[in-house]
N, C-alpha and C. Protein backbone atom coordinates (compact mmCIF):
# COMPACT_ATOMS: atom_id res chain seq x y z
N MET A 1 4.16 -4.21 32.44
CA MET A 1 4.06 -5.01 31.23
C MET A 1 4.06 -4.10 30.02
N ASP A 2 4.84 -4.45 29.01
CA ASP A 2 5.00 -3.63 27.83
C ASP A 2 3.96 -4.02 26.79
N ALA A 3 3.09 -3.07 26.40
CA ALA A 3 2.05 -3.36 25.42
C ALA A 3 2.63 -3.63 24.05
N ASP A 4 3.89 -3.19 23.81
CA ASP A 4 4.50 -3.44 22.51
C ASP A 4 5.07 -4.85 22.42
N ASP A 5 5.14 -5.53 23.54
CA ASP A 5 5.71 -6.87 23.59
C ASP A 5 4.73 -7.86 22.97
N ALA A 6 5.17 -8.54 21.91
CA ALA A 6 4.28 -9.49 21.23
C ALA A 6 4.35 -10.88 21.84
N ASP A 7 5.18 -11.07 22.84
CA ASP A 7 5.27 -12.37 23.51
C ASP A 7 4.18 -12.45 24.56
N PHE A 8 3.16 -13.27 24.31
CA PHE A 8 2.00 -13.34 25.19
C PHE A 8 2.19 -14.30 26.36
N GLY A 9 3.36 -14.91 26.44
CA GLY A 9 3.56 -15.96 27.42
C GLY A 9 3.39 -15.52 28.85
N GLY A 10 3.73 -14.26 29.19
CA GLY A 10 3.70 -13.85 30.58
C GLY A 10 2.46 -13.11 31.00
N PHE A 11 1.50 -12.91 30.11
CA PHE A 11 0.35 -12.07 30.41
C PHE A 11 -0.52 -12.65 31.52
N TYR A 12 -0.55 -13.98 31.65
CA TYR A 12 -1.43 -14.61 32.63
C TYR A 12 -1.01 -14.31 34.06
N LYS A 13 0.21 -13.76 34.24
CA LYS A 13 0.71 -13.51 35.58
C LYS A 13 0.04 -12.28 36.21
N VAL A 14 -0.55 -11.44 35.40
CA VAL A 14 -1.13 -10.19 35.88
C VAL A 14 -2.63 -10.37 36.06
N GLU A 15 -3.18 -9.83 37.12
CA GLU A 15 -4.60 -10.02 37.41
C GLU A 15 -5.49 -9.05 36.65
N LEU A 16 -4.99 -7.86 36.37
CA LEU A 16 -5.78 -6.85 35.68
C LEU A 16 -4.99 -6.29 34.51
N MET A 17 -5.70 -5.98 33.42
CA MET A 17 -5.08 -5.32 32.29
C MET A 17 -5.95 -4.16 31.85
N ASN A 18 -5.34 -3.01 31.63
CA ASN A 18 -6.05 -1.84 31.16
C ASN A 18 -6.61 -2.07 29.76
N ARG A 19 -7.79 -1.55 29.53
CA ARG A 19 -8.47 -1.70 28.24
C ARG A 19 -7.60 -1.24 27.07
N GLU A 20 -6.95 -0.08 27.22
CA GLU A 20 -6.14 0.45 26.13
C GLU A 20 -4.94 -0.45 25.84
N GLU A 21 -4.36 -0.99 26.89
CA GLU A 21 -3.24 -1.90 26.72
C GLU A 21 -3.70 -3.17 26.01
N ALA A 22 -4.87 -3.67 26.38
CA ALA A 22 -5.40 -4.88 25.76
C ALA A 22 -5.62 -4.67 24.26
N LYS A 23 -6.16 -3.51 23.89
CA LYS A 23 -6.39 -3.22 22.47
C LYS A 23 -5.07 -3.18 21.72
N LYS A 24 -4.05 -2.60 22.34
CA LYS A 24 -2.74 -2.51 21.68
C LYS A 24 -2.14 -3.90 21.48
N VAL A 25 -2.25 -4.74 22.49
CA VAL A 25 -1.71 -6.09 22.38
C VAL A 25 -2.39 -6.86 21.25
N ILE A 26 -3.70 -6.76 21.18
CA ILE A 26 -4.45 -7.44 20.11
C ILE A 26 -4.06 -6.90 18.75
N ALA A 27 -3.94 -5.57 18.65
CA ALA A 27 -3.60 -4.94 17.37
C ALA A 27 -2.21 -5.35 16.90
N VAL A 28 -1.25 -5.42 17.82
CA VAL A 28 0.11 -5.85 17.46
C VAL A 28 0.07 -7.29 16.94
N TYR A 29 -0.66 -8.14 17.63
CA TYR A 29 -0.77 -9.53 17.21
C TYR A 29 -1.41 -9.63 15.81
N GLU A 30 -2.48 -8.89 15.59
CA GLU A 30 -3.16 -8.93 14.30
C GLU A 30 -2.28 -8.37 13.19
N MET A 31 -1.55 -7.29 13.48
CA MET A 31 -0.65 -6.71 12.49
C MET A 31 0.41 -7.72 12.06
N GLN A 32 0.94 -8.48 13.01
CA GLN A 32 1.98 -9.45 12.71
C GLN A 32 1.45 -10.60 11.86
N ASN A 33 0.15 -10.78 11.83
CA ASN A 33 -0.44 -11.86 11.05
C ASN A 33 -1.01 -11.39 9.71
N LEU A 34 -0.82 -10.11 9.40
CA LEU A 34 -1.22 -9.59 8.10
C LEU A 34 -0.11 -9.81 7.08
N SER A 35 -0.48 -9.97 5.83
CA SER A 35 0.52 -10.03 4.77
C SER A 35 1.03 -8.62 4.48
N SER A 36 2.13 -8.52 3.78
CA SER A 36 2.66 -7.21 3.40
C SER A 36 1.65 -6.45 2.56
N ASP A 37 0.97 -7.13 1.66
CA ASP A 37 -0.03 -6.47 0.81
C ASP A 37 -1.18 -5.92 1.64
N GLU A 38 -1.61 -6.66 2.66
CA GLU A 38 -2.70 -6.20 3.51
C GLU A 38 -2.28 -4.97 4.31
N LYS A 39 -1.04 -4.96 4.79
CA LYS A 39 -0.55 -3.80 5.53
C LYS A 39 -0.47 -2.58 4.61
N LEU A 40 0.03 -2.78 3.41
CA LEU A 40 0.15 -1.67 2.47
C LEU A 40 -1.22 -1.12 2.08
N GLU A 41 -2.20 -2.00 1.97
CA GLU A 41 -3.55 -1.55 1.64
C GLU A 41 -4.12 -0.67 2.75
N ILE A 42 -3.89 -1.05 4.01
CA ILE A 42 -4.34 -0.24 5.14
C ILE A 42 -3.67 1.13 5.11
N LEU A 43 -2.37 1.15 4.85
CA LEU A 43 -1.65 2.43 4.79
C LEU A 43 -2.16 3.29 3.65
N GLU A 44 -2.36 2.70 2.50
CA GLU A 44 -2.79 3.46 1.33
C GLU A 44 -4.18 4.06 1.53
N CYS A 45 -5.07 3.28 2.15
CA CYS A 45 -6.45 3.72 2.32
C CYS A 45 -6.64 4.68 3.50
N ASN A 46 -5.74 4.65 4.47
CA ASN A 46 -5.99 5.39 5.70
C ASN A 46 -4.93 6.41 6.10
N TYR A 47 -3.73 6.31 5.56
CA TYR A 47 -2.66 7.20 6.04
C TYR A 47 -1.87 7.93 4.96
N TRP A 48 -2.04 7.55 3.72
CA TRP A 48 -1.23 8.19 2.70
C TRP A 48 -2.05 9.17 1.85
N PHE A 49 -3.00 9.85 2.48
CA PHE A 49 -3.86 10.73 1.70
C PHE A 49 -3.42 12.19 1.79
N PHE A 50 -2.35 12.50 2.52
CA PHE A 50 -1.86 13.87 2.57
C PHE A 50 -0.83 14.08 1.46
N GLY A 51 -0.98 15.17 0.75
CA GLY A 51 -0.08 15.43 -0.37
C GLY A 51 1.09 16.30 -0.01
N ASP A 52 1.16 16.76 1.22
CA ASP A 52 2.26 17.66 1.55
C ASP A 52 2.60 17.58 3.03
N LYS A 53 3.80 18.02 3.35
CA LYS A 53 4.30 17.98 4.72
C LYS A 53 3.46 18.81 5.65
N GLU A 54 3.02 19.97 5.19
CA GLU A 54 2.21 20.86 6.03
C GLU A 54 0.89 20.20 6.42
N GLY A 55 0.27 19.49 5.48
CA GLY A 55 -0.98 18.80 5.78
C GLY A 55 -0.81 17.72 6.82
N ILE A 56 0.29 16.98 6.74
CA ILE A 56 0.56 15.93 7.72
C ILE A 56 0.76 16.54 9.10
N THR A 57 1.58 17.61 9.15
CA THR A 57 1.88 18.25 10.43
C THR A 57 0.62 18.81 11.08
N GLU A 58 -0.24 19.45 10.29
CA GLU A 58 -1.48 20.01 10.83
C GLU A 58 -2.39 18.91 11.35
N ALA A 59 -2.46 17.79 10.64
CA ALA A 59 -3.32 16.68 11.06
C ALA A 59 -2.84 16.08 12.38
N ILE A 60 -1.52 16.01 12.55
CA ILE A 60 -0.97 15.50 13.81
C ILE A 60 -1.33 16.44 14.95
N GLU A 61 -1.20 17.75 14.71
CA GLU A 61 -1.52 18.74 15.73
C GLU A 61 -3.00 18.71 16.10
N GLU A 62 -3.87 18.42 15.12
CA GLU A 62 -5.32 18.34 15.36
C GLU A 62 -5.71 17.06 16.07
N GLY A 63 -4.83 16.08 16.04
CA GLY A 63 -5.13 14.80 16.66
C GLY A 63 -5.81 13.81 15.75
N SER A 64 -5.93 14.15 14.45
CA SER A 64 -6.58 13.25 13.50
C SER A 64 -5.60 12.31 12.82
N TYR A 65 -4.33 12.40 13.19
CA TYR A 65 -3.27 11.58 12.61
C TYR A 65 -2.31 11.24 13.73
N PRO A 66 -1.88 10.01 13.87
CA PRO A 66 -1.00 9.65 14.99
C PRO A 66 0.35 10.35 14.89
N GLU A 67 0.98 10.57 16.00
CA GLU A 67 2.30 11.22 16.01
C GLU A 67 3.33 10.30 15.38
N ILE A 68 4.06 10.86 14.44
CA ILE A 68 5.13 10.12 13.77
C ILE A 68 6.38 10.99 13.74
N SER A 69 7.52 10.37 13.46
CA SER A 69 8.78 11.11 13.49
C SER A 69 8.90 12.06 12.32
N GLU A 70 9.78 13.05 12.50
CA GLU A 70 10.06 14.00 11.41
C GLU A 70 10.62 13.25 10.19
N ASP A 71 11.41 12.21 10.45
CA ASP A 71 11.99 11.44 9.35
C ASP A 71 10.90 10.80 8.50
N LEU A 72 9.89 10.20 9.16
CA LEU A 72 8.82 9.55 8.41
C LEU A 72 7.97 10.60 7.68
N ILE A 73 7.76 11.75 8.31
CA ILE A 73 7.02 12.83 7.63
C ILE A 73 7.73 13.23 6.34
N GLU A 74 9.04 13.36 6.41
CA GLU A 74 9.83 13.72 5.22
C GLU A 74 9.71 12.66 4.13
N ILE A 75 9.76 11.38 4.56
CA ILE A 75 9.67 10.30 3.58
C ILE A 75 8.29 10.28 2.92
N ILE A 76 7.24 10.42 3.73
CA ILE A 76 5.88 10.43 3.19
C ILE A 76 5.70 11.60 2.24
N ASP A 77 6.27 12.74 2.60
CA ASP A 77 6.14 13.94 1.77
C ASP A 77 6.76 13.73 0.38
N LYS A 78 7.79 12.89 0.32
CA LYS A 78 8.52 12.70 -0.93
C LYS A 78 8.16 11.40 -1.63
N THR A 79 7.36 10.55 -0.98
CA THR A 79 7.05 9.24 -1.54
C THR A 79 5.55 9.12 -1.82
N PRO A 80 5.15 8.95 -3.06
CA PRO A 80 3.72 8.88 -3.37
C PRO A 80 3.05 7.59 -2.94
N ASP A 81 3.82 6.53 -2.75
CA ASP A 81 3.24 5.23 -2.43
C ASP A 81 3.62 4.80 -1.02
N PRO A 82 2.74 4.07 -0.34
CA PRO A 82 3.07 3.58 1.01
C PRO A 82 4.20 2.56 0.97
N PHE A 83 4.88 2.42 2.08
CA PHE A 83 5.98 1.49 2.20
C PHE A 83 5.97 0.94 3.61
N LEU A 84 6.67 -0.14 3.81
CA LEU A 84 6.71 -0.78 5.12
C LEU A 84 8.06 -0.60 5.79
N ASN A 85 8.02 -0.10 7.01
CA ASN A 85 9.17 -0.14 7.90
C ASN A 85 8.60 -0.21 9.31
N ALA A 86 9.45 -0.19 10.32
CA ALA A 86 8.97 -0.36 11.69
C ALA A 86 7.96 0.72 12.07
N GLU A 87 8.21 1.95 11.65
CA GLU A 87 7.32 3.04 12.05
C GLU A 87 6.00 3.02 11.27
N SER A 88 6.07 2.70 9.98
CA SER A 88 4.81 2.64 9.23
C SER A 88 3.96 1.45 9.68
N GLU A 89 4.59 0.38 10.15
CA GLU A 89 3.82 -0.72 10.73
C GLU A 89 3.13 -0.26 12.02
N GLY A 90 3.73 0.72 12.70
CA GLY A 90 3.08 1.32 13.86
C GLY A 90 1.78 2.00 13.49
N LEU A 91 1.72 2.55 12.27
CA LEU A 91 0.48 3.16 11.79
C LEU A 91 -0.59 2.09 11.53
N VAL A 92 -0.15 0.93 11.08
CA VAL A 92 -1.08 -0.18 10.89
C VAL A 92 -1.66 -0.59 12.25
N VAL A 93 -0.82 -0.66 13.26
CA VAL A 93 -1.28 -0.98 14.62
C VAL A 93 -2.29 0.07 15.09
N ASP A 94 -1.99 1.34 14.83
CA ASP A 94 -2.90 2.43 15.20
C ASP A 94 -4.27 2.23 14.55
N TYR A 95 -4.29 1.85 13.29
CA TYR A 95 -5.55 1.59 12.56
C TYR A 95 -6.31 0.43 13.21
N LEU A 96 -5.60 -0.63 13.56
CA LEU A 96 -6.25 -1.79 14.16
C LEU A 96 -6.76 -1.50 15.57
N VAL A 97 -6.03 -0.67 16.32
CA VAL A 97 -6.50 -0.24 17.64
C VAL A 97 -7.81 0.53 17.49
N ASN A 98 -7.87 1.44 16.52
CA ASN A 98 -9.10 2.21 16.29
C ASN A 98 -10.27 1.31 15.94
N GLY A 99 -9.99 0.19 15.30
CA GLY A 99 -11.04 -0.75 14.95
C GLY A 99 -11.63 -1.47 16.16
N LEU A 100 -10.97 -1.34 17.31
CA LEU A 100 -11.48 -1.96 18.54
C LEU A 100 -12.22 -0.97 19.43
N LYS A 101 -12.44 0.22 18.92
CA LYS A 101 -13.20 1.21 19.67
C LYS A 101 -14.63 0.70 19.84
N TYR A 102 -15.17 0.88 21.02
CA TYR A 102 -16.54 0.51 21.39
C TYR A 102 -16.74 -0.97 21.69
N VAL A 103 -15.74 -1.82 21.46
CA VAL A 103 -15.95 -3.24 21.78
C VAL A 103 -15.95 -3.40 23.30
N THR A 104 -16.62 -4.43 23.77
CA THR A 104 -16.74 -4.65 25.21
C THR A 104 -15.44 -5.18 25.79
N ASN A 105 -15.27 -5.00 27.09
CA ASN A 105 -14.11 -5.56 27.77
C ASN A 105 -14.12 -7.08 27.73
N LEU A 106 -15.32 -7.64 27.77
CA LEU A 106 -15.43 -9.10 27.70
C LEU A 106 -14.92 -9.61 26.35
N TYR A 107 -15.22 -8.87 25.28
CA TYR A 107 -14.72 -9.27 23.96
C TYR A 107 -13.19 -9.23 23.94
N LEU A 108 -12.61 -8.14 24.49
CA LEU A 108 -11.15 -8.03 24.53
C LEU A 108 -10.54 -9.19 25.31
N GLN A 109 -11.17 -9.51 26.42
CA GLN A 109 -10.69 -10.60 27.26
C GLN A 109 -10.77 -11.93 26.51
N THR A 110 -11.86 -12.16 25.82
CA THR A 110 -12.04 -13.40 25.05
C THR A 110 -11.04 -13.48 23.92
N LYS A 111 -10.81 -12.34 23.26
CA LYS A 111 -9.85 -12.30 22.15
C LYS A 111 -8.44 -12.63 22.64
N LEU A 112 -8.04 -12.05 23.76
CA LEU A 112 -6.72 -12.33 24.31
C LEU A 112 -6.59 -13.80 24.74
N LYS A 113 -7.67 -14.34 25.23
CA LYS A 113 -7.69 -15.76 25.62
C LYS A 113 -7.51 -16.65 24.39
N SER A 114 -8.07 -16.24 23.26
CA SER A 114 -7.92 -17.03 22.03
C SER A 114 -6.49 -16.95 21.50
N ILE A 115 -5.82 -15.82 21.76
CA ILE A 115 -4.43 -15.65 21.35
C ILE A 115 -3.51 -16.48 22.23
N ASN A 116 -3.78 -16.41 23.53
CA ASN A 116 -2.97 -17.14 24.50
C ASN A 116 -3.88 -17.83 25.50
N PRO A 117 -4.02 -19.15 25.43
CA PRO A 117 -4.91 -19.88 26.34
C PRO A 117 -4.58 -19.67 27.82
N ASN A 118 -3.34 -19.24 28.13
CA ASN A 118 -2.96 -19.01 29.52
C ASN A 118 -3.39 -17.64 30.04
N PHE A 119 -3.98 -16.83 29.17
CA PHE A 119 -4.39 -15.49 29.59
C PHE A 119 -5.55 -15.59 30.58
N LYS A 120 -5.38 -14.98 31.76
CA LYS A 120 -6.40 -15.07 32.81
C LYS A 120 -6.74 -13.71 33.40
N ASP A 121 -6.25 -12.65 32.79
CA ASP A 121 -6.49 -11.31 33.34
C ASP A 121 -7.94 -10.87 33.16
N LYS A 122 -8.32 -9.89 33.94
CA LYS A 122 -9.59 -9.20 33.76
C LYS A 122 -9.29 -7.84 33.14
N ILE A 123 -10.07 -7.46 32.15
CA ILE A 123 -9.87 -6.17 31.49
C ILE A 123 -10.68 -5.12 32.23
N PHE A 124 -10.05 -3.98 32.51
CA PHE A 124 -10.77 -2.90 33.17
C PHE A 124 -10.63 -1.62 32.36
N GLY A 125 -11.54 -0.68 32.62
CA GLY A 125 -11.56 0.59 31.89
C GLY A 125 -12.91 0.77 31.22
N GLU A 126 -13.36 2.01 31.14
CA GLU A 126 -14.68 2.30 30.56
C GLU A 126 -14.65 2.19 29.04
N VAL A 127 -15.69 1.56 28.50
CA VAL A 127 -15.85 1.50 27.05
C VAL A 127 -16.16 2.90 26.54
N GLU A 128 -15.59 3.25 25.41
CA GLU A 128 -15.82 4.57 24.83
C GLU A 128 -17.31 4.79 24.58
N ARG A 129 -17.75 6.03 24.75
CA ARG A 129 -19.16 6.34 24.53
C ARG A 129 -19.49 6.18 23.05
N ALA A 130 -20.44 5.33 22.76
CA ALA A 130 -20.78 5.02 21.38
C ALA A 130 -22.20 5.44 21.06
N GLY A 131 -22.46 5.57 19.77
CA GLY A 131 -23.81 5.84 19.31
C GLY A 131 -24.56 4.56 19.06
N LEU A 132 -25.87 4.65 19.12
CA LEU A 132 -26.74 3.48 18.95
C LEU A 132 -27.16 3.37 17.48
N CYS A 133 -26.89 2.24 16.87
CA CYS A 133 -27.37 2.02 15.50
C CYS A 133 -28.89 1.91 15.54
N PRO A 134 -29.60 2.70 14.75
CA PRO A 134 -31.07 2.66 14.79
C PRO A 134 -31.66 1.38 14.24
N CYS A 135 -30.86 0.60 13.52
CA CYS A 135 -31.39 -0.63 12.93
C CYS A 135 -31.22 -1.81 13.87
N CYS A 136 -29.98 -2.21 14.15
CA CYS A 136 -29.75 -3.41 14.97
C CYS A 136 -29.72 -3.11 16.46
N GLU A 137 -29.63 -1.81 16.80
CA GLU A 137 -29.62 -1.35 18.20
C GLU A 137 -28.41 -1.85 18.98
N TYR A 138 -27.27 -1.94 18.29
CA TYR A 138 -26.00 -2.16 18.96
C TYR A 138 -25.29 -0.81 19.08
N TYR A 139 -24.53 -0.64 20.14
CA TYR A 139 -23.73 0.58 20.33
C TYR A 139 -22.43 0.40 19.55
N SER A 140 -22.49 0.71 18.27
CA SER A 140 -21.40 0.33 17.36
C SER A 140 -20.92 1.45 16.45
N ILE A 141 -21.47 2.66 16.59
CA ILE A 141 -21.08 3.77 15.73
C ILE A 141 -20.65 4.95 16.60
N ASP A 142 -20.09 5.98 15.96
CA ASP A 142 -19.68 7.16 16.71
C ASP A 142 -20.89 7.85 17.33
N TYR A 143 -20.65 8.55 18.42
CA TYR A 143 -21.74 9.16 19.18
C TYR A 143 -22.17 10.50 18.56
N GLY A 144 -23.46 10.75 18.60
CA GLY A 144 -24.02 12.04 18.19
C GLY A 144 -23.74 12.40 16.74
N GLU A 145 -23.38 13.67 16.52
CA GLU A 145 -23.14 14.15 15.16
C GLU A 145 -21.99 13.41 14.49
N ASP A 146 -21.02 12.95 15.30
CA ASP A 146 -19.88 12.24 14.73
C ASP A 146 -20.29 10.92 14.09
N GLY A 147 -21.42 10.38 14.53
CA GLY A 147 -21.87 9.11 13.99
C GLY A 147 -22.74 9.22 12.75
N LEU A 148 -23.00 10.47 12.32
CA LEU A 148 -23.82 10.65 11.12
C LEU A 148 -23.07 10.10 9.91
N TRP A 149 -23.73 9.26 9.15
CA TRP A 149 -23.21 8.60 7.96
C TRP A 149 -22.28 7.44 8.28
N ASP A 150 -22.08 7.14 9.56
CA ASP A 150 -21.33 5.93 9.90
C ASP A 150 -22.09 4.70 9.40
N ILE A 151 -21.37 3.70 8.98
CA ILE A 151 -21.98 2.43 8.59
C ILE A 151 -21.76 1.44 9.73
N CYS A 152 -22.84 0.89 10.23
CA CYS A 152 -22.76 -0.04 11.35
C CYS A 152 -22.06 -1.33 10.93
N PRO A 153 -21.04 -1.75 11.66
CA PRO A 153 -20.35 -2.99 11.31
C PRO A 153 -21.18 -4.24 11.59
N VAL A 154 -22.23 -4.11 12.42
CA VAL A 154 -23.03 -5.27 12.78
C VAL A 154 -24.09 -5.58 11.74
N CYS A 155 -24.75 -4.53 11.21
CA CYS A 155 -25.87 -4.78 10.27
C CYS A 155 -25.70 -4.10 8.92
N PHE A 156 -24.74 -3.16 8.81
CA PHE A 156 -24.43 -2.40 7.60
C PHE A 156 -25.45 -1.30 7.28
N TRP A 157 -26.22 -0.88 8.28
CA TRP A 157 -27.09 0.28 8.11
C TRP A 157 -26.24 1.55 8.13
N GLU A 158 -26.46 2.43 7.14
CA GLU A 158 -25.76 3.71 7.13
C GLU A 158 -26.57 4.72 7.93
N ASN A 159 -25.96 5.34 8.92
CA ASN A 159 -26.67 6.21 9.84
C ASN A 159 -26.97 7.57 9.22
N GLY A 160 -27.78 7.53 8.16
CA GLY A 160 -28.16 8.76 7.49
C GLY A 160 -29.61 8.73 7.04
N GLY A 161 -30.38 7.80 7.61
CA GLY A 161 -31.78 7.71 7.24
C GLY A 161 -32.03 6.68 6.16
N GLU A 162 -33.23 6.70 5.64
CA GLU A 162 -33.65 5.67 4.70
C GLU A 162 -33.07 5.88 3.30
N GLY A 163 -32.77 7.14 2.95
CA GLY A 163 -32.26 7.46 1.62
C GLY A 163 -31.02 6.69 1.22
N PRO A 164 -29.92 6.82 1.96
CA PRO A 164 -28.69 6.12 1.55
C PRO A 164 -28.78 4.60 1.66
N ASN A 165 -29.76 4.11 2.40
CA ASN A 165 -29.90 2.66 2.56
C ASN A 165 -30.87 2.04 1.56
N HIS A 166 -31.62 2.91 0.86
CA HIS A 166 -32.55 2.46 -0.17
C HIS A 166 -33.60 1.49 0.35
N MET A 167 -34.02 1.70 1.59
CA MET A 167 -35.08 0.91 2.19
C MET A 167 -35.55 1.61 3.46
N THR A 168 -36.70 1.22 3.95
CA THR A 168 -37.18 1.79 5.19
C THR A 168 -36.43 1.17 6.36
N LEU A 169 -36.40 1.89 7.46
CA LEU A 169 -35.76 1.37 8.67
C LEU A 169 -36.47 0.12 9.14
N GLU A 170 -37.79 0.10 9.02
CA GLU A 170 -38.57 -1.07 9.45
C GLU A 170 -38.18 -2.32 8.66
N GLN A 171 -37.99 -2.14 7.33
CA GLN A 171 -37.61 -3.29 6.50
C GLN A 171 -36.20 -3.76 6.85
N ALA A 172 -35.31 -2.80 7.11
CA ALA A 172 -33.94 -3.15 7.48
C ALA A 172 -33.91 -3.93 8.80
N LYS A 173 -34.73 -3.50 9.75
CA LYS A 173 -34.80 -4.21 11.04
C LYS A 173 -35.29 -5.63 10.85
N LEU A 174 -36.32 -5.81 10.03
CA LEU A 174 -36.85 -7.15 9.77
C LEU A 174 -35.79 -8.03 9.11
N ASN A 175 -35.07 -7.46 8.15
CA ASN A 175 -34.01 -8.22 7.47
C ASN A 175 -32.91 -8.61 8.43
N PHE A 176 -32.55 -7.68 9.32
CA PHE A 176 -31.48 -7.99 10.27
C PHE A 176 -31.88 -9.15 11.18
N GLU A 177 -33.10 -9.12 11.67
CA GLU A 177 -33.56 -10.20 12.54
C GLU A 177 -33.67 -11.52 11.79
N LYS A 178 -33.95 -11.43 10.47
CA LYS A 178 -34.13 -12.64 9.67
C LYS A 178 -32.80 -13.28 9.30
N PHE A 179 -31.85 -12.47 8.76
CA PHE A 179 -30.61 -13.09 8.31
C PHE A 179 -29.33 -12.33 8.68
N GLY A 180 -29.42 -11.29 9.52
CA GLY A 180 -28.21 -10.70 10.09
C GLY A 180 -27.60 -9.53 9.37
N ALA A 181 -28.34 -8.89 8.48
CA ALA A 181 -27.86 -7.68 7.80
C ALA A 181 -29.08 -6.95 7.24
N ILE A 182 -28.86 -5.71 6.78
CA ILE A 182 -30.01 -4.94 6.28
C ILE A 182 -30.55 -5.51 4.97
N ASN A 183 -29.72 -6.24 4.23
CA ASN A 183 -30.16 -6.96 3.04
C ASN A 183 -29.15 -8.06 2.74
N LYS A 184 -29.50 -8.95 1.85
CA LYS A 184 -28.64 -10.10 1.57
C LYS A 184 -27.32 -9.68 0.94
N ASN A 185 -27.33 -8.59 0.17
CA ASN A 185 -26.10 -8.11 -0.45
C ASN A 185 -25.07 -7.63 0.57
N SER A 186 -25.54 -7.28 1.76
CA SER A 186 -24.64 -6.76 2.80
C SER A 186 -24.10 -7.84 3.72
N LEU A 187 -24.55 -9.07 3.53
CA LEU A 187 -24.12 -10.15 4.42
C LEU A 187 -22.61 -10.35 4.42
N GLY A 188 -22.00 -10.18 3.25
CA GLY A 188 -20.56 -10.36 3.16
C GLY A 188 -19.76 -9.17 3.65
N LEU A 189 -20.45 -8.07 4.02
CA LEU A 189 -19.78 -6.85 4.42
C LEU A 189 -19.84 -6.60 5.92
N VAL A 190 -20.73 -7.29 6.61
CA VAL A 190 -20.84 -7.08 8.06
C VAL A 190 -19.74 -7.82 8.79
N ASP A 191 -19.44 -7.36 9.99
CA ASP A 191 -18.46 -8.03 10.85
C ASP A 191 -19.13 -9.27 11.45
N LYS A 192 -18.61 -10.42 11.12
CA LYS A 192 -19.22 -11.67 11.58
C LYS A 192 -19.23 -11.78 13.10
N ASN A 193 -18.28 -11.09 13.74
CA ASN A 193 -18.22 -11.11 15.21
C ASN A 193 -18.84 -9.89 15.84
N GLY A 194 -19.53 -9.07 15.04
CA GLY A 194 -20.07 -7.82 15.52
C GLY A 194 -20.98 -7.96 16.73
N ALA A 195 -21.85 -8.94 16.70
CA ALA A 195 -22.78 -9.12 17.81
C ALA A 195 -22.07 -9.51 19.11
N LYS A 196 -20.86 -10.08 18.99
CA LYS A 196 -20.08 -10.44 20.17
C LYS A 196 -19.23 -9.27 20.67
N LYS A 197 -18.97 -8.32 19.78
CA LYS A 197 -18.06 -7.22 20.12
C LYS A 197 -18.74 -6.09 20.89
N TYR A 198 -19.98 -5.78 20.51
CA TYR A 198 -20.63 -4.57 21.01
C TYR A 198 -21.80 -4.88 21.94
N CYS A 199 -22.12 -3.91 22.77
CA CYS A 199 -23.30 -4.03 23.64
C CYS A 199 -24.54 -3.72 22.83
N ARG A 200 -25.63 -4.40 23.16
CA ARG A 200 -26.91 -4.11 22.50
C ARG A 200 -27.84 -3.44 23.49
N LYS A 201 -28.68 -2.58 22.99
CA LYS A 201 -29.64 -1.89 23.82
C LYS A 201 -30.52 -2.91 24.54
N GLU A 202 -30.69 -2.71 25.84
CA GLU A 202 -31.49 -3.66 26.62
C GLU A 202 -32.99 -3.36 26.50
């Protein structure tokens, strides 16, 4: 089965689907439902920050930037603003796939079922090792040092202590249990499906 195939009609025929393939299928579907402006915003905020060809090439070699063709590298090097073509839309898919890191296999399965009611596969593969948010206690941020200063999508706690959050951890926990975020101002910034996406500490 081709993960690039956006036709979901045949997916129910397979009994198992790899986690990575499932994320790609969901990301392709979501990308196709974004407006051009939304796609361009993703590109501008996440992929067009290199000012030179050498920087792009080094980032690809380091693994911090997805592999792209020499032609696209040349275009990016000469073009200050993001643009849409088949390959740059692939970067949007890459961004959306990264947004599914740490989500449970059950969430992926449910999401695919919502896309195609005939989907009956089971998702397999280990969930990426995640860090535990100290506030809501969901495994929703990067692990260890990589998760320092991450903002939890479930509660909006910034993993840098009480200073950047302007409140004590205890107060943030109480607020989360009361209304679902570290404070009322953060309610519009949390992922509404966050509690369904990630595992919580038992």
